[in-house]
């Protein structure tokens, strides 16, 4: 078993949910970055980034950021 598989098993056991749900909650819903998210989950930062990539959450994060910018009107100030 790889290090990532061991971390995944531990997280899923601790949170009683699939890794996709755990990562979505921390990375998208709570809007945590890799450093803070990893610290909160008690895993290495590189593992957090690995799971974000494996779960395909980059597009969701980009959409969240885009939505925030459009809602705050910051894009008008940049013009």
PDB file of N, CA and C in Angstrom:
ATOM      1  N   UNK A   1       0.824  -1.185   0.000  1.00  0.00           N
ATOM      2  CA  UNK A   1       0.000   0.000   0.000  1.00  0.00           C
ATOM      3  C   UNK A   1       0.870   1.251   0.000  1.00  0.00           C
ATOM      4  N   UNK A   2       0.441   2.250  -0.784  1.00  0.00           N
ATOM      5  CA  UNK A   2       1.213   3.483  -0.827  1.00  0.00           C
ATOM      6  C   UNK A   2       0.854   4.373   0.361  1.00  0.00           C
ATOM      7  N   UNK A   3       1.664   5.391   0.556  1.00  0.00           N
ATOM      8  CA  UNK A   3       1.424   6.335   1.650  1.00  0.00           C
ATOM      9  C   UNK A   3       0.059   7.012   1.484  1.00  0.00           C
ATOM     10  N   UNK A   4      -0.279   7.381   0.243  1.00  0.00           N
ATOM     11  CA  UNK A   4      -1.561   8.043  -0.010  1.00  0.00           C
ATOM     12  C   UNK A   4      -2.747   7.125   0.283  1.00  0.00           C
ATOM     13  N   UNK A   5      -2.612   5.854  -0.038  1.00  0.00           N
ATOM     14  CA  UNK A   5      -3.691   4.899   0.253  1.00  0.00           C
ATOM     15  C   UNK A   5      -3.904   4.754   1.754  1.00  0.00           C
ATOM     16  N   UNK A   6      -2.809   4.740   2.496  1.00  0.00           N
ATOM     17  CA  UNK A   6      -2.916   4.648   3.958  1.00  0.00           C
ATOM     18  C   UNK A   6      -3.585   5.894   4.543  1.00  0.00           C
ATOM     19  N   UNK A   7      -3.202   7.052   4.036  1.00  0.00           N
ATOM     20  CA  UNK A   7      -3.808   8.306   4.502  1.00  0.00           C
ATOM     21  C   UNK A   7      -5.291   8.329   4.148  1.00  0.00           C
ATOM     22  N   UNK A   8      -5.610   7.896   2.932  1.00  0.00           N
ATOM     23  CA  UNK A   8      -7.009   7.866   2.485  1.00  0.00           C
ATOM     24  C   UNK A   8      -7.848   6.959   3.387  1.00  0.00           C
ATOM     25  N   UNK A   9      -7.343   5.769   3.672  1.00  0.00           N
ATOM     26  CA  UNK A   9      -8.059   4.834   4.545  1.00  0.00           C
ATOM     27  C   UNK A   9      -8.301   5.431   5.929  1.00  0.00           C
ATOM     28  N   UNK A  10      -7.272   6.082   6.469  1.00  0.00           N
ATOM     29  CA  UNK A  10      -7.397   6.671   7.805  1.00  0.00           C
ATOM     30  C   UNK A  10      -8.431   7.795   7.805  1.00  0.00           C
ATOM     31  N   UNK A  11      -8.386   8.663   6.793  1.00  0.00           N
ATOM     32  CA  UNK A  11      -9.355   9.759   6.715  1.00  0.00           C
ATOM     33  C   UNK A  11     -10.777   9.241   6.575  1.00  0.00           C
ATOM     34  N   UNK A  12     -10.963   8.271   5.698  1.00  0.00           N
ATOM     35  CA  UNK A  12     -12.302   7.716   5.484  1.00  0.00           C
ATOM     36  C   UNK A  12     -12.821   7.041   6.756  1.00  0.00           C
ATOM     37  N   UNK A  13     -11.938   6.388   7.474  1.00  0.00           N
ATOM     38  CA  UNK A  13     -12.339   5.734   8.718  1.00  0.00           C
ATOM     39  C   UNK A  13     -12.680   6.775   9.788  1.00  0.00           C
ATOM     40  N   UNK A  14     -11.838   7.793   9.918  1.00  0.00           N
ATOM     41  CA  UNK A  14     -12.055   8.833  10.935  1.00  0.00           C
ATOM     42  C   UNK A  14     -13.317   9.644  10.680  1.00  0.00           C
ATOM     43  N   UNK A  15     -13.600   9.942   9.407  1.00  0.00           N
ATOM     44  CA  UNK A  15     -14.730  10.814   9.058  1.00  0.00           C
ATOM     45  C   UNK A  15     -15.974  10.039   8.637  1.00  0.00           C
ATOM     46  N   UNK A  16     -15.864   8.735   8.491  1.00  0.00           N
ATOM     47  CA  UNK A  16     -16.992   7.887   8.087  1.00  0.00           C
ATOM     48  C   UNK A  16     -17.633   8.352   6.777  1.00  0.00           C
ATOM     49  N   UNK A  17     -16.801   8.835   5.855  1.00  0.00           N
ATOM     50  CA  UNK A  17     -17.258   9.284   4.540  1.00  0.00           C
ATOM     51  C   UNK A  17     -16.189   8.993   3.506  1.00  0.00           C
ATOM     52  N   UNK A  18     -16.591   9.066   2.245  1.00  0.00           N
ATOM     53  CA  UNK A  18     -15.643   8.858   1.146  1.00  0.00           C
ATOM     54  C   UNK A  18     -14.686  10.048   1.056  1.00  0.00           C
ATOM     55  N   UNK A  19     -13.510   9.792   0.519  1.00  0.00           N
ATOM     56  CA  UNK A  19     -12.492  10.838   0.400  1.00  0.00           C
ATOM     57  C   UNK A  19     -12.998  12.003  -0.438  1.00  0.00           C
ATOM     58  N   UNK A  20     -13.810  11.734  -1.463  1.00  0.00           N
ATOM     59  CA  UNK A  20     -14.362  12.804  -2.302  1.00  0.00           C
ATOM     60  C   UNK A  20     -15.176  13.780  -1.460  1.00  0.00           C
ATOM     61  N   UNK A  21     -16.004  13.254  -0.572  1.00  0.00           N
ATOM     62  CA  UNK A  21     -16.843  14.100   0.285  1.00  0.00           C
ATOM     63  C   UNK A  21     -16.003  14.897   1.284  1.00  0.00           C
ATOM     64  N   UNK A  22     -15.016  14.255   1.840  1.00  0.00           N
ATOM     65  CA  UNK A  22     -14.142  14.914   2.817  1.00  0.00           C
ATOM     66  C   UNK A  22     -13.408  16.079   2.168  1.00  0.00           C
ATOM     67  N   UNK A  23     -12.840  15.818   1.004  1.00  0.00           N
ATOM     68  CA  UNK A  23     -12.077  16.853   0.309  1.00  0.00           C
ATOM     69  C   UNK A  23     -12.986  17.979  -0.171  1.00  0.00           C
ATOM     70  N   UNK A  24     -14.164  17.639  -0.668  1.00  0.00           N
ATOM     71  CA  UNK A  24     -15.094  18.668  -1.132  1.00  0.00           C
ATOM     72  C   UNK A  24     -15.489  19.585   0.020  1.00  0.00           C
ATOM     73  N   UNK A  25     -15.765  18.991   1.164  1.00  0.00           N
ATOM     74  CA  UNK A  25     -16.158  19.782   2.324  1.00  0.00           C
ATOM     75  C   UNK A  25     -15.055  20.766   2.719  1.00  0.00           C
ATOM     76  N   UNK A  26     -13.822  20.294   2.775  1.00  0.00           N
ATOM     77  CA  UNK A  26     -12.726  21.148   3.240  1.00  0.00           C
ATOM     78  C   UNK A  26     -12.248  22.124   2.167  1.00  0.00           C
ATOM     79  N   UNK A  27     -12.097  21.653   0.935  1.00  0.00           N
ATOM     80  CA  UNK A  27     -11.504  22.474  -0.121  1.00  0.00           C
ATOM     81  C   UNK A  27     -12.505  23.433  -0.754  1.00  0.00           C
ATOM     82  N   UNK A  28     -13.754  23.010  -0.919  1.00  0.00           N
ATOM     83  CA  UNK A  28     -14.753  23.839  -1.589  1.00  0.00           C
ATOM     84  C   UNK A  28     -15.693  24.509  -0.585  1.00  0.00           C
ATOM     85  N   UNK A  29     -16.384  23.719   0.218  1.00  0.00           N
ATOM     86  CA  UNK A  29     -17.384  24.296   1.124  1.00  0.00           C
ATOM     87  C   UNK A  29     -16.760  25.201   2.187  1.00  0.00           C
ATOM     88  N   UNK A  30     -15.667  24.756   2.799  1.00  0.00           N
ATOM     89  CA  UNK A  30     -15.012  25.580   3.824  1.00  0.00           C
ATOM     90  C   UNK A  30     -13.997  26.531   3.210  1.00  0.00           C
ATOM     91  N   UNK A  31     -13.728  26.362   1.907  1.00  0.00           N
ATOM     92  CA  UNK A  31     -12.819  27.225   1.141  1.00  0.00           C
ATOM     93  C   UNK A  31     -11.417  27.290   1.757  1.00  0.00           C
ATOM     94  N   UNK A  32     -10.913  26.128   2.167  1.00  0.00           N
ATOM     95  CA  UNK A  32      -9.577  26.060   2.745  1.00  0.00           C
ATOM     96  C   UNK A  32      -8.547  25.779   1.661  1.00  0.00           C
ATOM     97  N   UNK A  33      -7.393  26.374   1.794  1.00  0.00           N
ATOM     98  CA  UNK A  33      -6.293  26.093   0.891  1.00  0.00           C
ATOM     99  C   UNK A  33      -5.571  24.832   1.325  1.00  0.00           C
ATOM    100  N   UNK A  34      -4.562  24.420   0.556  1.00  0.00           N
ATOM    101  CA  UNK A  34      -3.847  23.188   0.881  1.00  0.00           C
ATOM    102  C   UNK A  34      -3.168  23.174   2.245  1.00  0.00           C
ATOM    103  N   UNK A  35      -2.547  24.267   2.627  1.00  0.00           N
ATOM    104  CA  UNK A  35      -1.823  24.276   3.906  1.00  0.00           C
ATOM    105  C   UNK A  35      -2.780  24.176   5.098  1.00  0.00           C
ATOM    106  N   UNK A  36      -3.817  25.015   5.097  1.00  0.00           N
ATOM    107  CA  UNK A  36      -4.763  25.029   6.211  1.00  0.00           C
ATOM    108  C   UNK A  36      -5.603  23.748   6.211  1.00  0.00           C
ATOM    109  N   UNK A  37      -6.045  23.322   5.028  1.00  0.00           N
ATOM    110  CA  UNK A  37      -6.840  22.100   4.924  1.00  0.00           C
ATOM    111  C   UNK A  37      -6.076  20.876   5.408  1.00  0.00           C
ATOM    112  N   UNK A  38      -4.815  20.793   5.006  1.00  0.00           N
ATOM    113  CA  UNK A  38      -3.983  19.666   5.431  1.00  0.00           C
ATOM    114  C   UNK A  38      -3.781  19.672   6.937  1.00  0.00           C
ATOM    115  N   UNK A  39      -3.545  20.853   7.493  1.00  0.00           N
ATOM    116  CA  UNK A  39      -3.341  20.956   8.946  1.00  0.00           C
ATOM    117  C   UNK A  39      -4.608  20.541   9.685  1.00  0.00           C
ATOM    118  N   UNK A  40      -5.760  20.989   9.193  1.00  0.00           N
ATOM    119  CA  UNK A  40      -7.025  20.661   9.844  1.00  0.00           C
ATOM    120  C   UNK A  40      -7.301  19.156   9.792  1.00  0.00           C
ATOM    121  N   UNK A  41      -6.925  18.509   8.683  1.00  0.00           N
ATOM    122  CA  UNK A  41      -7.146  17.073   8.544  1.00  0.00           C
ATOM    123  C   UNK A  41      -6.024  16.241   9.174  1.00  0.00           C
ATOM    124  N   UNK A  42      -4.921  16.882   9.499  1.00  0.00           N
ATOM    125  CA  UNK A  42      -3.800  16.167  10.103  1.00  0.00           C
ATOM    126  C   UNK A  42      -3.028  15.311   9.111  1.00  0.00           C
ATOM    127  N   UNK A  43      -2.920  15.826   7.873  1.00  0.00           N
ATOM    128  CA  UNK A  43      -2.193  15.094   6.831  1.00  0.00           C
ATOM    129  C   UNK A  43      -1.148  16.014   6.214  1.00  0.00           C
ATOM    130  N   UNK A  44      -0.171  15.454   5.510  1.00  0.00           N
ATOM    131  CA  UNK A  44       0.812  16.310   4.831  1.00  0.00           C
ATOM    132  C   UNK A  44       0.151  17.137   3.724  1.00  0.00           C
ATOM    133  N   UNK A  45       0.703  18.317   3.484  1.00  0.00           N
ATOM    134  CA  UNK A  45       0.174  19.202   2.449  1.00  0.00           C
ATOM    135  C   UNK A  45       0.169  18.516   1.086  1.00  0.00           C
ATOM    136  N   UNK A  46       1.222  17.794   0.785  1.00  0.00           N
ATOM    137  CA  UNK A  46       1.306  17.130  -0.521  1.00  0.00           C
ATOM    138  C   UNK A  46       0.198  16.091  -0.692  1.00  0.00           C
ATOM    139  N   UNK A  47      -0.217  15.468   0.410  1.00  0.00           N
ATOM    140  CA  UNK A  47      -1.326  14.508   0.338  1.00  0.00           C
ATOM    141  C   UNK A  47      -2.637  15.246   0.071  1.00  0.00           C
ATOM    142  N   UNK A  48      -2.822  16.403   0.687  1.00  0.00           N
ATOM    143  CA  UNK A  48      -4.023  17.208   0.452  1.00  0.00           C
ATOM    144  C   UNK A  48      -4.110  17.587  -1.025  1.00  0.00           C
ATOM    145  N   UNK A  49      -3.010  18.070  -1.576  1.00  0.00           N
ATOM    146  CA  UNK A  49      -2.967  18.449  -2.995  1.00  0.00           C
ATOM    147  C   UNK A  49      -3.235  17.230  -3.871  1.00  0.00           C
ATOM    148  N   UNK A  50      -2.656  16.102  -3.533  1.00  0.00           N
ATOM    149  CA  UNK A  50      -2.865  14.864  -4.291  1.00  0.00           C
ATOM    150  C   UNK A  50      -4.348  14.491  -4.325  1.00  0.00           C
ATOM    151  N   UNK A  51      -5.021  14.550  -3.189  1.00  0.00           N
ATOM    152  CA  UNK A  51      -6.435  14.184  -3.133  1.00  0.00           C
ATOM    153  C   UNK A  51      -7.310  15.201  -3.859  1.00  0.00           C
ATOM    154  N   UNK A  52      -6.951  16.468  -3.798  1.00  0.00           N
ATOM    155  CA  UNK A  52      -7.686  17.492  -4.560  1.00  0.00           C
ATOM    156  C   UNK A  52      -7.622  17.142  -6.048  1.00  0.00           C
ATOM    157  N   UNK A  53      -6.429  16.772  -6.522  1.00  0.00           N
ATOM    158  CA  UNK A  53      -6.267  16.407  -7.930  1.00  0.00           C
ATOM    159  C   UNK A  53      -7.001  15.118  -8.264  1.00  0.00           C
ATOM    160  N   UNK A  54      -6.917  14.137  -7.399  1.00  0.00           N
ATOM    161  CA  UNK A  54      -7.583  12.857  -7.635  1.00  0.00           C
ATOM    162  C   UNK A  54      -9.107  13.006  -7.659  1.00  0.00           C
ATOM    163  N   UNK A  55      -9.621  13.907  -6.870  1.00  0.00           N
ATOM    164  CA  UNK A  55     -11.076  14.128  -6.801  1.00  0.00           C
ATOM    165  C   UNK A  55     -11.553  15.111  -7.860  1.00  0.00           C
ATOM    166  N   UNK A  56     -10.625  15.702  -8.602  1.00  0.00           N
ATOM    167  CA  UNK A  56     -10.974  16.631  -9.666  1.00  0.00           C
ATOM    168  C   UNK A  56     -11.639  17.908  -9.173  1.00  0.00           C
ATOM    169  N   UNK A  57     -11.144  18.463  -8.094  1.00  0.00           N
ATOM    170  CA  UNK A  57     -11.780  19.629  -7.482  1.00  0.00           C
ATOM    171  C   UNK A  57     -11.225  20.973  -7.958  1.00  0.00           C
ATOM    172  N   UNK A  58     -10.226  20.955  -8.842  1.00  0.00           N
ATOM    173  CA  UNK A  58      -9.645  22.212  -9.307  1.00  0.00           C
ATOM    174  C   UNK A  58     -10.683  23.071 -10.028  1.00  0.00           C
ATOM    175  N   UNK A  59     -11.498  22.469 -10.879  1.00  0.00           N
ATOM    176  CA  UNK A  59     -12.513  23.215 -11.627  1.00  0.00           C
ATOM    177  C   UNK A  59     -13.550  23.801 -10.668  1.00  0.00           C
ATOM    178  N   UNK A  60     -13.964  23.027  -9.673  1.00  0.00           N
ATOM    179  CA  UNK A  60     -14.931  23.524  -8.695  1.00  0.00           C
ATOM    180  C   UNK A  60     -14.369  24.720  -7.924  1.00  0.00           C
ATOM    181  N   UNK A  61     -13.085  24.654  -7.567  1.00  0.00           N
ATOM    182  CA  UNK A  61     -12.446  25.751  -6.840  1.00  0.00           C
ATOM    183  C   UNK A  61     -12.369  26.993  -7.726  1.00  0.00           C
ATOM    184  N   UNK A  62     -12.018  26.795  -8.994  1.00  0.00           N
ATOM    185  CA  UNK A  62     -11.952  27.912  -9.928  1.00  0.00           C
ATOM    186  C   UNK A  62     -13.329  28.565 -10.074  1.00  0.00           C
ATOM    187  N   UNK A  63     -14.362  27.753 -10.189  1.00  0.00           N
ATOM    188  CA  UNK A  63     -15.731  28.278 -10.297  1.00  0.00           C
ATOM    189  C   UNK A  63     -16.123  29.064  -9.047  1.00  0.00           C
ATOM    190  N   UNK A  64     -15.721  28.569  -7.876  1.00  0.00           N
ATOM    191  CA  UNK A  64     -16.010  29.254  -6.619  1.00  0.00           C
ATOM    192  C   UNK A  64     -15.326  30.619  -6.582  1.00  0.00           C
ATOM    193  N   UNK A  65     -14.074  30.657  -6.979  1.00  0.00           N
ATOM    194  CA  UNK A  65     -13.319  31.916  -6.991  1.00  0.00           C
ATOM    195  C   UNK A  65     -13.940  32.890  -7.985  1.00  0.00           C
ATOM    196  N   UNK A  66     -14.276  32.392  -9.161  1.00  0.00           N
ATOM    197  CA  UNK A  66     -14.892  33.233 -10.194  1.00  0.00           C
ATOM    198  C   UNK A  66     -16.213  33.813  -9.690  1.00  0.00           C
ATOM    199  N   UNK A  67     -17.007  32.984  -9.026  1.00  0.00           N
ATOM    200  CA  UNK A  67     -18.292  33.427  -8.492  1.00  0.00           C
ATOM    201  C   UNK A  67     -18.094  34.514  -7.439  1.00  0.00           C
ATOM    202  N   UNK A  68     -17.099  34.340  -6.562  1.00  0.00           N
ATOM    203  CA  UNK A  68     -16.824  35.337  -5.526  1.00  0.00           C
ATOM    204  C   UNK A  68     -16.419  36.670  -6.146  1.00  0.00           C
ATOM    205  N   UNK A  69     -15.571  36.623  -7.141  1.00  0.00           N
ATOM    206  CA  UNK A  69     -15.095  37.851  -7.776  1.00  0.00           C
ATOM    207  C   UNK A  69     -16.245  38.567  -8.461  1.00  0.00           C
ATOM    208  N   UNK A  70     -17.084  37.823  -9.160  1.00  0.00           N
ATOM    209  CA  UNK A  70     -18.196  38.447  -9.852  1.00  0.00           C
ATOM    210  C   UNK A  70     -19.223  39.031  -8.880  1.00  0.00           C
ATOM    211  N   UNK A  71     -19.401  38.374  -7.755  1.00  0.00           N
ATOM    212  CA  UNK A  71     -20.369  38.847  -6.760  1.00  0.00           C
ATOM    213  C   UNK A  71     -19.898  40.071  -5.993  1.00  0.00           C
ATOM    214  N   UNK A  72     -18.604  40.237  -5.851  1.00  0.00           N
ATOM    215  CA  UNK A  72     -18.096  41.364  -5.070  1.00  0.00           C
ATOM    216  C   UNK A  72     -17.875  42.600  -5.928  1.00  0.00           C
ATOM    217  N   UNK A  73     -17.922  42.443  -7.228  1.00  0.00           N
ATOM    218  CA  UNK A  73     -17.711  43.581  -8.108  1.00  0.00           C
ATOM    219  C   UNK A  73     -16.250  43.952  -8.272  1.00  0.00           C
ATOM    220  N   UNK A  74     -15.355  43.128  -7.777  1.00  0.00           N
ATOM    221  CA  UNK A  74     -13.920  43.415  -7.911  1.00  0.00           C
ATOM    222  C   UNK A  74     -13.474  43.470  -9.363  1.00  0.00           C
ATOM    223  N   UNK A  75     -14.160  42.757 -10.217  1.00  0.00           N
ATOM    224  CA  UNK A  75     -13.752  42.750 -11.616  1.00  0.00           C
ATOM    225  C   UNK A  75     -13.964  44.128 -12.244  1.00  0.00           C
ATOM    226  N   UNK A  76     -14.902  44.909 -11.751  1.00  0.00           N
ATOM    227  CA  UNK A  76     -15.120  46.258 -12.274  1.00  0.00           C
ATOM    228  C   UNK A  76     -13.955  47.170 -11.877  1.00  0.00           C
ATOM    229  N   UNK A  77     -13.451  46.997 -10.684  1.00  0.00           N
ATOM    230  CA  UNK A  77     -12.345  47.836 -10.214  1.00  0.00           C
ATOM    231  C   UNK A  77     -11.074  47.576 -11.006  1.00  0.00           C
ATOM    232  N   UNK A  78     -10.949  46.366 -11.541  1.00  0.00           N
ATOM    233  CA  UNK A  78      -9.742  46.009 -12.302  1.00  0.00           C
ATOM    234  C   UNK A  78      -9.731  46.658 -13.684  1.00  0.00           C
ATOM    235  N   UNK A  79     -10.893  47.100 -14.154  1.00  0.00           N
ATOM    236  CA  UNK A  79     -10.958  47.711 -15.502  1.00  0.00           C
ATOM    237  C   UNK A  79     -10.458  49.088 -15.523  1.00  0.00           C
TER     238      UNK A  79
END
